[in-house]
Amino acid sequence: MAGLGNIYADEVLYKAKIHPERKAKTLTEKEIGKLCHEMVQTLEDSISAGGSSVNTYMDSMGLSGSYQERLQVYGRNGEACIDCGTILEKTKAAGRGTHFCPTCQKNS
């Protein structure tokens, strides 16, 4: 997904239940609507939490964000999916690392 960083792209695709290697032209109108909704919701949630301080990010006031504590797939390779218990995987899609649940995010 162009325009979103890795963290948010992984989280949005997971919440929308779309596999990261799925071709955009195969998405239904309903899936596109869900994807758009999850993009807005995820970014709003992250902004409310002060962003994601996965590495050393701090805002202009010197505060770290806390959204990284809510991450459901990003950086959780090898851990259990919070929805189904399947082990989360990491792969490369379009030249970037991406985390996903092979059960919740089917590639079809």
PDB file of N, CA and C in Angstrom:
ATOM      1  N   MET A   1       0.842  -1.175   0.000  1.00  0.00           N
ATOM      2  CA  MET A   1       0.000   0.000   0.000  1.00  0.00           C
ATOM      3  C   MET A   1       0.884   1.232   0.000  1.00  0.00           C
ATOM      4  N   ALA A   2       0.855   1.987  -1.037  1.00  0.00           N
ATOM      5  CA  ALA A   2       1.675   3.184  -1.150  1.00  0.00           C
ATOM      6  C   ALA A   2       1.186   4.258  -0.191  1.00  0.00           C
ATOM      7  N   GLY A   3       2.113   4.977   0.400  1.00  0.00           N
ATOM      8  CA  GLY A   3       1.768   6.094   1.256  1.00  0.00           C
ATOM      9  C   GLY A   3       1.769   5.770   2.743  1.00  0.00           C
ATOM     10  N   LEU A   4       1.643   4.520   3.095  1.00  0.00           N
ATOM     11  CA  LEU A   4       1.708   4.116   4.503  1.00  0.00           C
ATOM     12  C   LEU A   4       3.056   3.446   4.744  1.00  0.00           C
ATOM     13  N   GLY A   5       3.611   3.675   5.915  1.00  0.00           N
ATOM     14  CA  GLY A   5       4.841   2.990   6.279  1.00  0.00           C
ATOM     15  C   GLY A   5       4.564   1.527   6.590  1.00  0.00           C
ATOM     16  N   ASN A   6       5.631   0.763   6.769  1.00  0.00           N
ATOM     17  CA  ASN A   6       5.502  -0.677   7.009  1.00  0.00           C
ATOM     18  C   ASN A   6       4.611  -1.007   8.193  1.00  0.00           C
ATOM     19  N   ILE A   7       4.790  -0.315   9.298  1.00  0.00           N
ATOM     20  CA  ILE A   7       4.003  -0.614  10.497  1.00  0.00           C
ATOM     21  C   ILE A   7       2.513  -0.499  10.192  1.00  0.00           C
ATOM     22  N   TYR A   8       2.114   0.641   9.650  1.00  0.00           N
ATOM     23  CA  TYR A   8       0.692   0.896   9.428  1.00  0.00           C
ATOM     24  C   TYR A   8       0.131   0.058   8.286  1.00  0.00           C
ATOM     25  N   ALA A   9       0.906  -0.186   7.247  1.00  0.00           N
ATOM     26  CA  ALA A   9       0.439  -1.045   6.154  1.00  0.00           C
ATOM     27  C   ALA A   9       0.152  -2.451   6.676  1.00  0.00           C
ATOM     28  N   ASP A  10       1.070  -2.998   7.488  1.00  0.00           N
ATOM     29  CA  ASP A  10       0.849  -4.333   8.058  1.00  0.00           C
ATOM     30  C   ASP A  10      -0.408  -4.367   8.910  1.00  0.00           C
ATOM     31  N   GLU A  11      -0.570  -3.376   9.770  1.00  0.00           N
ATOM     32  CA  GLU A  11      -1.713  -3.348  10.682  1.00  0.00           C
ATOM     33  C   GLU A  11      -3.034  -3.167   9.934  1.00  0.00           C
ATOM     34  N   VAL A  12      -3.052  -2.272   8.953  1.00  0.00           N
ATOM     35  CA  VAL A  12      -4.276  -2.019   8.184  1.00  0.00           C
ATOM     36  C   VAL A  12      -4.681  -3.260   7.391  1.00  0.00           C
ATOM     37  N   LEU A  13      -3.739  -3.891   6.715  1.00  0.00           N
ATOM     38  CA  LEU A  13      -4.058  -5.090   5.947  1.00  0.00           C
ATOM     39  C   LEU A  13      -4.563  -6.206   6.854  1.00  0.00           C
ATOM     40  N   TYR A  14      -3.968  -6.332   8.029  1.00  0.00           N
ATOM     41  CA  TYR A  14      -4.430  -7.348   8.978  1.00  0.00           C
ATOM     42  C   TYR A  14      -5.870  -7.068   9.404  1.00  0.00           C
ATOM     43  N   LYS A  15      -6.146  -5.844   9.792  1.00  0.00           N
ATOM     44  CA  LYS A  15      -7.490  -5.488  10.257  1.00  0.00           C
ATOM     45  C   LYS A  15      -8.535  -5.644   9.155  1.00  0.00           C
ATOM     46  N   ALA A  16      -8.112  -5.401   7.908  1.00  0.00           N
ATOM     47  CA  ALA A  16      -9.025  -5.552   6.769  1.00  0.00           C
ATOM     48  C   ALA A  16      -9.079  -6.994   6.264  1.00  0.00           C
ATOM     49  N   LYS A  17      -8.243  -7.863   6.846  1.00  0.00           N
ATOM     50  CA  LYS A  17      -8.165  -9.287   6.480  1.00  0.00           C
ATOM     51  C   LYS A  17      -7.764  -9.494   5.023  1.00  0.00           C
ATOM     52  N   ILE A  18      -6.806  -8.688   4.570  1.00  0.00           N
ATOM     53  CA  ILE A  18      -6.301  -8.771   3.197  1.00  0.00           C
ATOM     54  C   ILE A  18      -4.842  -9.204   3.232  1.00  0.00           C
ATOM     55  N   HIS A  19      -4.499 -10.217   2.473  1.00  0.00           N
ATOM     56  CA  HIS A  19      -3.128 -10.721   2.401  1.00  0.00           C
ATOM     57  C   HIS A  19      -2.233  -9.666   1.747  1.00  0.00           C
ATOM     58  N   PRO A  20      -1.019  -9.450   2.261  1.00  0.00           N
ATOM     59  CA  PRO A  20      -0.148  -8.409   1.709  1.00  0.00           C
ATOM     60  C   PRO A  20       0.320  -8.646   0.270  1.00  0.00           C
ATOM     61  N   GLU A  21       0.217  -9.864  -0.228  1.00  0.00           N
ATOM     62  CA  GLU A  21       0.624 -10.143  -1.606  1.00  0.00           C
ATOM     63  C   GLU A  21      -0.556 -10.145  -2.578  1.00  0.00           C
ATOM     64  N   ARG A  22      -1.715  -9.818  -2.087  1.00  0.00           N
ATOM     65  CA  ARG A  22      -2.917  -9.772  -2.921  1.00  0.00           C
ATOM     66  C   ARG A  22      -2.834  -8.615  -3.900  1.00  0.00           C
ATOM     67  N   LYS A  23      -3.168  -8.834  -5.130  1.00  0.00           N
ATOM     68  CA  LYS A  23      -3.169  -7.799  -6.157  1.00  0.00           C
ATOM     69  C   LYS A  23      -4.357  -6.863  -5.942  1.00  0.00           C
ATOM     70  N   ALA A  24      -4.112  -5.572  -5.991  1.00  0.00           N
ATOM     71  CA  ALA A  24      -5.151  -4.575  -5.751  1.00  0.00           C
ATOM     72  C   ALA A  24      -6.332  -4.746  -6.700  1.00  0.00           C
ATOM     73  N   LYS A  25      -6.064  -5.109  -7.941  1.00  0.00           N
ATOM     74  CA  LYS A  25      -7.149  -5.231  -8.925  1.00  0.00           C
ATOM     75  C   LYS A  25      -8.104  -6.383  -8.622  1.00  0.00           C
ATOM     76  N   THR A  26      -7.742  -7.269  -7.669  1.00  0.00           N
ATOM     77  CA  THR A  26      -8.625  -8.381  -7.311  1.00  0.00           C
ATOM     78  C   THR A  26      -9.548  -8.056  -6.137  1.00  0.00           C
ATOM     79  N   LEU A  27      -9.381  -6.891  -5.523  1.00  0.00           N
ATOM     80  CA  LEU A  27     -10.203  -6.524  -4.370  1.00  0.00           C
ATOM     81  C   LEU A  27     -11.621  -6.162  -4.800  1.00  0.00           C
ATOM     82  N   THR A  28     -12.577  -6.576  -4.006  1.00  0.00           N
ATOM     83  CA  THR A  28     -13.972  -6.227  -4.265  1.00  0.00           C
ATOM     84  C   THR A  28     -14.241  -4.819  -3.731  1.00  0.00           C
ATOM     85  N   GLU A  29     -15.372  -4.251  -4.109  1.00  0.00           N
ATOM     86  CA  GLU A  29     -15.766  -2.933  -3.584  1.00  0.00           C
ATOM     87  C   GLU A  29     -15.878  -2.967  -2.063  1.00  0.00           C
ATOM     88  N   LYS A  30     -16.422  -4.044  -1.535  1.00  0.00           N
ATOM     89  CA  LYS A  30     -16.571  -4.195  -0.091  1.00  0.00           C
ATOM     90  C   LYS A  30     -15.193  -4.225   0.588  1.00  0.00           C
ATOM     91  N   GLU A  31     -14.250  -4.955   0.002  1.00  0.00           N
ATOM     92  CA  GLU A  31     -12.901  -5.032   0.575  1.00  0.00           C
ATOM     93  C   GLU A  31     -12.190  -3.675   0.510  1.00  0.00           C
ATOM     94  N   ILE A  32     -12.399  -2.960  -0.566  1.00  0.00           N
ATOM     95  CA  ILE A  32     -11.801  -1.622  -0.700  1.00  0.00           C
ATOM     96  C   ILE A  32     -12.378  -0.688   0.364  1.00  0.00           C
ATOM     97  N   GLY A  33     -13.677  -0.774   0.582  1.00  0.00           N
ATOM     98  CA  GLY A  33     -14.308   0.025   1.627  1.00  0.00           C
ATOM     99  C   GLY A  33     -13.755  -0.302   3.007  1.00  0.00           C
ATOM    100  N   LYS A  34     -13.600  -1.581   3.277  1.00  0.00           N
ATOM    101  CA  LYS A  34     -13.038  -2.025   4.562  1.00  0.00           C
ATOM    102  C   LYS A  34     -11.597  -1.532   4.702  1.00  0.00           C
ATOM    103  N   LEU A  35     -10.828  -1.622   3.641  1.00  0.00           N
ATOM    104  CA  LEU A  35      -9.438  -1.164   3.642  1.00  0.00           C
ATOM    105  C   LEU A  35      -9.356   0.328   3.943  1.00  0.00           C
ATOM    106  N   CYS A  36     -10.175   1.115   3.287  1.00  0.00           N
ATOM    107  CA  CYS A  36     -10.195   2.570   3.522  1.00  0.00           C
ATOM    108  C   CYS A  36     -10.597   2.883   4.958  1.00  0.00           C
ATOM    109  N   HIS A  37     -11.615   2.203   5.446  1.00  0.00           N
ATOM    110  CA  HIS A  37     -12.053   2.406   6.829  1.00  0.00           C
ATOM    111  C   HIS A  37     -10.922   2.098   7.812  1.00  0.00           C
ATOM    112  N   GLU A  38     -10.239   0.982   7.611  1.00  0.00           N
ATOM    113  CA  GLU A  38      -9.169   0.572   8.522  1.00  0.00           C
ATOM    114  C   GLU A  38      -7.963   1.503   8.438  1.00  0.00           C
ATOM    115  N   MET A  39      -7.691   2.062   7.254  1.00  0.00           N
ATOM    116  CA  MET A  39      -6.600   3.040   7.141  1.00  0.00           C
ATOM    117  C   MET A  39      -6.879   4.251   8.024  1.00  0.00           C
ATOM    118  N   VAL A  40      -8.061   4.799   7.880  1.00  0.00           N
ATOM    119  CA  VAL A  40      -8.430   5.988   8.658  1.00  0.00           C
ATOM    120  C   VAL A  40      -8.436   5.660  10.150  1.00  0.00           C
ATOM    121  N   GLN A  41      -9.064   4.555  10.519  1.00  0.00           N
ATOM    122  CA  GLN A  41      -9.178   4.171  11.932  1.00  0.00           C
ATOM    123  C   GLN A  41      -7.799   3.934  12.554  1.00  0.00           C
ATOM    124  N   THR A  42      -6.936   3.233  11.840  1.00  0.00           N
ATOM    125  CA  THR A  42      -5.599   2.926  12.360  1.00  0.00           C
ATOM    126  C   THR A  42      -4.779   4.187  12.542  1.00  0.00           C
ATOM    127  N   LEU A  43      -4.829   5.084  11.562  1.00  0.00           N
ATOM    128  CA  LEU A  43      -4.073   6.330  11.691  1.00  0.00           C
ATOM    129  C   LEU A  43      -4.632   7.208  12.810  1.00  0.00           C
ATOM    130  N   GLU A  44      -5.945   7.266  12.942  1.00  0.00           N
ATOM    131  CA  GLU A  44      -6.551   8.029  14.041  1.00  0.00           C
ATOM    132  C   GLU A  44      -6.133   7.455  15.397  1.00  0.00           C
ATOM    133  N   ASP A  45      -6.157   6.124  15.513  1.00  0.00           N
ATOM    134  CA  ASP A  45      -5.756   5.473  16.763  1.00  0.00           C
ATOM    135  C   ASP A  45      -4.290   5.753  17.082  1.00  0.00           C
ATOM    136  N   SER A  46      -3.459   5.703  16.059  1.00  0.00           N
ATOM    137  CA  SER A  46      -2.031   5.950  16.265  1.00  0.00           C
ATOM    138  C   SER A  46      -1.766   7.397  16.680  1.00  0.00           C
ATOM    139  N   ILE A  47      -2.438   8.319  16.027  1.00  0.00           N
ATOM    140  CA  ILE A  47      -2.280   9.738  16.384  1.00  0.00           C
ATOM    141  C   ILE A  47      -2.713   9.958  17.829  1.00  0.00           C
ATOM    142  N   SER A  48      -3.829   9.349  18.222  1.00  0.00           N
ATOM    143  CA  SER A  48      -4.308   9.477  19.600  1.00  0.00           C
ATOM    144  C   SER A  48      -3.306   8.928  20.610  1.00  0.00           C
ATOM    145  N   ALA A  49      -2.550   7.908  20.183  1.00  0.00           N
ATOM    146  CA  ALA A  49      -1.562   7.277  21.072  1.00  0.00           C
ATOM    147  C   ALA A  49      -0.184   7.933  20.949  1.00  0.00           C
ATOM    148  N   GLY A  50      -0.090   8.997  20.166  1.00  0.00           N
ATOM    149  CA  GLY A  50       1.198   9.683  20.027  1.00  0.00           C
ATOM    150  C   GLY A  50       2.144   9.040  19.038  1.00  0.00           C
ATOM    151  N   GLY A  51       1.621   8.173  18.177  1.00  0.00           N
ATOM    152  CA  GLY A  51       2.453   7.525  17.165  1.00  0.00           C
ATOM    153  C   GLY A  51       3.078   6.244  17.679  1.00  0.00           C
ATOM    154  N   SER A  52       3.954   5.685  16.856  1.00  0.00           N
ATOM    155  CA  SER A  52       4.630   4.427  17.178  1.00  0.00           C
ATOM    156  C   SER A  52       6.098   4.708  17.450  1.00  0.00           C
ATOM    157  N   SER A  53       6.523   4.460  18.647  1.00  0.00           N
ATOM    158  CA  SER A  53       7.927   4.650  19.013  1.00  0.00           C
ATOM    159  C   SER A  53       8.634   3.303  19.024  1.00  0.00           C
ATOM    160  N   VAL A  54       8.668   2.659  17.845  1.00  0.00           N
ATOM    161  CA  VAL A  54       9.280   1.340  17.739  1.00  0.00           C
ATOM    162  C   VAL A  54      10.787   1.441  17.936  1.00  0.00           C
ATOM    163  N   ASN A  55      11.389   2.456  17.384  1.00  0.00           N
ATOM    164  CA  ASN A  55      12.834   2.632  17.554  1.00  0.00           C
ATOM    165  C   ASN A  55      13.096   3.768  18.541  1.00  0.00           C
ATOM    166  N   THR A  56      13.382   4.952  18.026  1.00  0.00           N
ATOM    167  CA  THR A  56      13.726   6.058  18.922  1.00  0.00           C
ATOM    168  C   THR A  56      12.868   7.288  18.676  1.00  0.00           C
ATOM    169  N   TYR A  57      11.747   7.147  18.005  1.00  0.00           N
ATOM    170  CA  TYR A  57      10.904   8.294  17.684  1.00  0.00           C
ATOM    171  C   TYR A  57      10.418   8.995  18.950  1.00  0.00           C
ATOM    172  N   MET A  58      10.502  10.316  18.924  1.00  0.00           N
ATOM    173  CA  MET A  58       9.923  11.147  19.980  1.00  0.00           C
ATOM    174  C   MET A  58       9.247  12.325  19.303  1.00  0.00           C
ATOM    175  N   ASP A  59       8.151  12.807  19.893  1.00  0.00           N
ATOM    176  CA  ASP A  59       7.457  13.938  19.295  1.00  0.00           C
ATOM    177  C   ASP A  59       8.169  15.244  19.652  1.00  0.00           C
ATOM    178  N   SER A  60       7.605  16.364  19.247  1.00  0.00           N
ATOM    179  CA  SER A  60       8.246  17.665  19.455  1.00  0.00           C
ATOM    180  C   SER A  60       8.352  18.044  20.927  1.00  0.00           C
ATOM    181  N   MET A  61       7.612  17.356  21.769  1.00  0.00           N
ATOM    182  CA  MET A  61       7.671  17.602  23.211  1.00  0.00           C
ATOM    183  C   MET A  61       8.623  16.626  23.916  1.00  0.00           C
ATOM    184  N   GLY A  62       9.274  15.761  23.125  1.00  0.00           N
ATOM    185  CA  GLY A  62      10.203  14.791  23.697  1.00  0.00           C
ATOM    186  C   GLY A  62       9.536  13.554  24.265  1.00  0.00           C
ATOM    187  N   LEU A  63       8.270  13.332  23.882  1.00  0.00           N
ATOM    188  CA  LEU A  63       7.528  12.180  24.381  1.00  0.00           C
ATOM    189  C   LEU A  63       7.498  11.051  23.357  1.00  0.00           C
ATOM    190  N   SER A  64       7.561   9.834  23.829  1.00  0.00           N
ATOM    191  CA  SER A  64       7.433   8.665  22.968  1.00  0.00           C
ATOM    192  C   SER A  64       5.961   8.346  22.782  1.00  0.00           C
ATOM    193  N   GLY A  65       5.629   7.826  21.611  1.00  0.00           N
ATOM    194  CA  GLY A  65       4.268   7.366  21.372  1.00  0.00           C
ATOM    195  C   GLY A  65       4.059   6.005  22.010  1.00  0.00           C
ATOM    196  N   SER A  66       2.816   5.565  22.059  1.00  0.00           N
ATOM    197  CA  SER A  66       2.523   4.262  22.667  1.00  0.00           C
ATOM    198  C   SER A  66       1.752   3.321  21.745  1.00  0.00           C
ATOM    199  N   TYR A  67       1.557   3.705  20.468  1.00  0.00           N
ATOM    200  CA  TYR A  67       0.778   2.843  19.584  1.00  0.00           C
ATOM    201  C   TYR A  67       1.446   1.488  19.369  1.00  0.00           C
ATOM    202  N   GLN A  68       2.776   1.434  19.497  1.00  0.00           N
ATOM    203  CA  GLN A  68       3.477   0.164  19.305  1.00  0.00           C
ATOM    204  C   GLN A  68       3.000  -0.903  20.299  1.00  0.00           C
ATOM    205  N   GLU A  69       2.421  -0.489  21.403  1.00  0.00           N
ATOM    206  CA  GLU A  69       1.892  -1.440  22.383  1.00  0.00           C
ATOM    207  C   GLU A  69       0.588  -2.083  21.909  1.00  0.00           C
ATOM    208  N   ARG A  70      -0.009  -1.537  20.853  1.00  0.00           N
ATOM    209  CA  ARG A  70      -1.270  -2.054  20.314  1.00  0.00           C
ATOM    210  C   ARG A  70      -1.079  -2.840  19.017  1.00  0.00           C
ATOM    211  N   LEU A  71       0.151  -2.983  18.556  1.00  0.00           N
ATOM    212  CA  LEU A  71       0.404  -3.646  17.273  1.00  0.00           C
ATOM    213  C   LEU A  71      -0.044  -5.104  17.319  1.00  0.00           C
ATOM    214  N   GLN A  72      -0.781  -5.499  16.286  1.00  0.00           N
ATOM    215  CA  GLN A  72      -1.333  -6.848  16.246  1.00  0.00           C
ATOM    216  C   GLN A  72      -0.515  -7.807  15.387  1.00  0.00           C
ATOM    217  N   VAL A  73       0.223  -7.283  14.374  1.00  0.00           N
ATOM    218  CA  VAL A  73       1.051  -8.158  13.549  1.00  0.00           C
ATOM    219  C   VAL A  73       2.481  -7.646  13.358  1.00  0.00           C
ATOM    220  N   TYR A  74       2.654  -6.351  13.212  1.00  0.00           N
ATOM    221  CA  TYR A  74       3.981  -5.812  12.926  1.00  0.00           C
ATOM    222  C   TYR A  74       4.970  -6.192  14.037  1.00  0.00           C
ATOM    223  N   GLY A  75       6.111  -6.754  13.630  1.00  0.00           N
ATOM    224  CA  GLY A  75       7.159  -7.109  14.568  1.00  0.00           C
ATOM    225  C   GLY A  75       6.860  -8.329  15.421  1.00  0.00           C
ATOM    226  N   ARG A  76       5.797  -9.064  15.094  1.00  0.00           N
ATOM    227  CA  ARG A  76       5.377 -10.213  15.904  1.00  0.00           C
ATOM    228  C   ARG A  76       5.572 -11.537  15.185  1.00  0.00           C
ATOM    229  N   ASN A  77       6.503 -11.580  14.228  1.00  0.00           N
ATOM    230  CA  ASN A  77       6.804 -12.806  13.496  1.00  0.00           C
ATOM    231  C   ASN A  77       7.091 -13.941  14.479  1.00  0.00           C
ATOM    232  N   GLY A  78       6.448 -15.089  14.265  1.00  0.00           N
ATOM    233  CA  GLY A  78       6.662 -16.253  15.111  1.00  0.00           C
ATOM    234  C   GLY A  78       5.772 -16.301  16.343  1.00  0.00           C
ATOM    235  N   GLU A  79       5.003 -15.249  16.589  1.00  0.00           N
ATOM    236  CA  GLU A  79       4.070 -15.222  17.720  1.00  0.00           C
ATOM    237  C   GLU A  79       2.678 -15.634  17.236  1.00  0.00           C
ATOM    238  N   ALA A  80       1.808 -15.927  18.177  1.00  0.00           N
ATOM    239  CA  ALA A  80       0.447 -16.343  17.840  1.00  0.00           C
ATOM    240  C   ALA A  80      -0.418 -15.147  17.464  1.00  0.00           C
ATOM    241  N   CYS A  81      -1.254 -15.342  16.444  1.00  0.00           N
ATOM    242  CA  CYS A  81      -2.245 -14.343  16.046  1.00  0.00           C
ATOM    243  C   CYS A  81      -3.224 -14.155  17.201  1.00  0.00           C
ATOM    244  N   ILE A  82      -3.549 -12.897  17.501  1.00  0.00           N
ATOM    245  CA  ILE A  82      -4.463 -12.633  18.616  1.00  0.00           C
ATOM    246  C   ILE A  82      -5.902 -13.051  18.309  1.00  0.00           C
ATOM    247  N   ASP A  83      -6.223 -13.224  17.033  1.00  0.00           N
ATOM    248  CA  ASP A  83      -7.586 -13.625  16.666  1.00  0.00           C
ATOM    249  C   ASP A  83      -7.755 -15.138  16.544  1.00  0.00           C
ATOM    250  N   CYS A  84      -6.789 -15.822  15.923  1.00  0.00           N
ATOM    251  CA  CYS A  84      -6.992 -17.248  15.637  1.00  0.00           C
ATOM    252  C   CYS A  84      -5.926 -18.172  16.224  1.00  0.00           C
ATOM    253  N   GLY A  85      -4.817 -17.623  16.706  1.00  0.00           N
ATOM    254  CA  GLY A  85      -3.768 -18.442  17.290  1.00  0.00           C
ATOM    255  C   GLY A  85      -2.730 -18.983  16.324  1.00  0.00           C
ATOM    256  N   THR A  86      -2.957 -18.788  15.027  1.00  0.00           N
ATOM    257  CA  THR A  86      -1.974 -19.214  14.024  1.00  0.00           C
ATOM    258  C   THR A  86      -0.689 -18.414  14.222  1.00  0.00           C
ATOM    259  N   ILE A  87       0.442 -19.044  13.949  1.00  0.00           N
ATOM    260  CA  ILE A  87       1.724 -18.359  14.073  1.00  0.00           C
ATOM    261  C   ILE A  87       1.854 -17.321  12.953  1.00  0.00           C
ATOM    262  N   LEU A  88       2.157 -16.079  13.340  1.00  0.00           N
ATOM    263  CA  LEU A  88       2.329 -14.993  12.374  1.00  0.00           C
ATOM    264  C   LEU A  88       3.615 -15.191  11.583  1.00  0.00           C
ATOM    265  N   GLU A  89       3.594 -14.743  10.342  1.00  0.00           N
ATOM    266  CA  GLU A  89       4.734 -14.895   9.447  1.00  0.00           C
ATOM    267  C   GLU A  89       5.226 -13.544   8.959  1.00  0.00           C
ATOM    268  N   LYS A  90       6.453 -13.546   8.456  1.00  0.00           N
ATOM    269  CA  LYS A  90       7.024 -12.365   7.816  1.00  0.00           C
ATOM    270  C   LYS A  90       7.533 -12.795   6.448  1.00  0.00           C
ATOM    271  N   THR A  91       7.234 -11.966   5.449  1.00  0.00           N
ATOM    272  CA  THR A  91       7.690 -12.232   4.094  1.00  0.00           C
ATOM    273  C   THR A  91       8.059 -10.907   3.452  1.00  0.00           C
ATOM    274  N   LYS A  92       8.490 -10.958   2.205  1.00  0.00           N
ATOM    275  CA  LYS A  92       8.748  -9.737   1.453  1.00  0.00           C
ATOM    276  C   LYS A  92       7.668  -9.574   0.404  1.00  0.00           C
ATOM    277  N   ALA A  93       7.100  -8.390   0.339  1.00  0.00           N
ATOM    278  CA  ALA A  93       6.097  -8.053  -0.672  1.00  0.00           C
ATOM    279  C   ALA A  93       6.472  -6.695  -1.232  1.00  0.00           C
ATOM    280  N   ALA A  94       6.604  -6.612  -2.534  1.00  0.00           N
ATOM    281  CA  ALA A  94       6.971  -5.360  -3.201  1.00  0.00           C
ATOM    282  C   ALA A  94       8.261  -4.772  -2.612  1.00  0.00           C
ATOM    283  N   GLY A  95       9.196  -5.651  -2.262  1.00  0.00           N
ATOM    284  CA  GLY A  95      10.504  -5.205  -1.800  1.00  0.00           C
ATOM    285  C   GLY A  95      10.580  -4.772  -0.345  1.00  0.00           C
ATOM    286  N   ARG A  96       9.520  -4.974   0.408  1.00  0.00           N
ATOM    287  CA  ARG A  96       9.570  -4.593   1.820  1.00  0.00           C
ATOM    288  C   ARG A  96       9.117  -5.759   2.687  1.00  0.00           C
ATOM    289  N   GLY A  97       9.613  -5.798   3.906  1.00  0.00           N
ATOM    290  CA  GLY A  97       9.188  -6.828   4.843  1.00  0.00           C
ATOM    291  C   GLY A  97       7.761  -6.569   5.275  1.00  0.00           C
ATOM    292  N   THR A  98       6.994  -7.624   5.408  1.00  0.00           N
ATOM    293  CA  THR A  98       5.607  -7.480   5.839  1.00  0.00           C
ATOM    294  C   THR A  98       5.217  -8.651   6.731  1.00  0.00           C
ATOM    295  N   HIS A  99       4.471  -8.361   7.758  1.00  0.00           N
ATOM    296  CA  HIS A  99       4.008  -9.348   8.734  1.00  0.00           C
ATOM    297  C   HIS A  99       2.537  -9.624   8.490  1.00  0.00           C
ATOM    298  N   PHE A 100       2.127 -10.885   8.638  1.00  0.00           N
ATOM    299  CA  PHE A 100       0.726 -11.230   8.379  1.00  0.00           C
ATOM    300  C   PHE A 100       0.348 -12.531   9.048  1.00  0.00           C
ATOM    301  N   CYS A 101      -0.950 -12.781   9.137  1.00  0.00           N
ATOM    302  CA  CYS A 101      -1.481 -14.055   9.623  1.00  0.00           C
ATOM    303  C   CYS A 101      -1.937 -14.863   8.414  1.00  0.00           C
ATOM    304  N   PRO A 102      -1.334 -16.034   8.181  1.00  0.00           N
ATOM    305  CA  PRO A 102      -1.718 -16.825   7.001  1.00  0.00           C
ATOM    306  C   PRO A 102      -3.140 -17.374   7.055  1.00  0.00           C
ATOM    307  N   THR A 103      -3.760 -17.395   8.212  1.00  0.00           N
ATOM    308  CA  THR A 103      -5.133 -17.864   8.327  1.00  0.00           C
ATOM    309  C   THR A 103      -6.130 -16.723   8.156  1.00  0.00           C
ATOM    310  N   CYS A 104      -5.922 -15.639   8.883  1.00  0.00           N
ATOM    311  CA  CYS A 104      -6.851 -14.508   8.823  1.00  0.00           C
ATOM    312  C   CYS A 104      -6.738 -13.705   7.521  1.00  0.00           C
ATOM    313  N   GLN A 105      -5.577 -13.746   6.897  1.00  0.00           N
ATOM    314  CA  GLN A 105      -5.332 -12.962   5.673  1.00  0.00           C
ATOM    315  C   GLN A 105      -5.033 -13.900   4.506  1.00  0.00           C
ATOM    316  N   LYS A 106      -6.040 -14.601   4.059  1.00  0.00           N
ATOM    317  CA  LYS A 106      -5.867 -15.532   2.929  1.00  0.00           C
ATOM    318  C   LYS A 106      -5.542 -14.778   1.660  1.00  0.00           C
ATOM    319  N   ASN A 107      -4.719 -15.377   0.814  1.00  0.00           N
ATOM    320  CA  ASN A 107      -4.329 -14.754  -0.470  1.00  0.00           C
ATOM    321  C   ASN A 107      -5.245 -15.246  -1.567  1.00  0.00           C
ATOM    322  N   SER A 108      -6.486 -14.770  -1.541  1.00  0.00           N
ATOM    323  CA  SER A 108      -7.441 -15.178  -2.581  1.00  0.00           C
ATOM    324  C   SER A 108      -8.380 -14.056  -2.914  1.00  0.00           C
TER     325      SER A 108
END
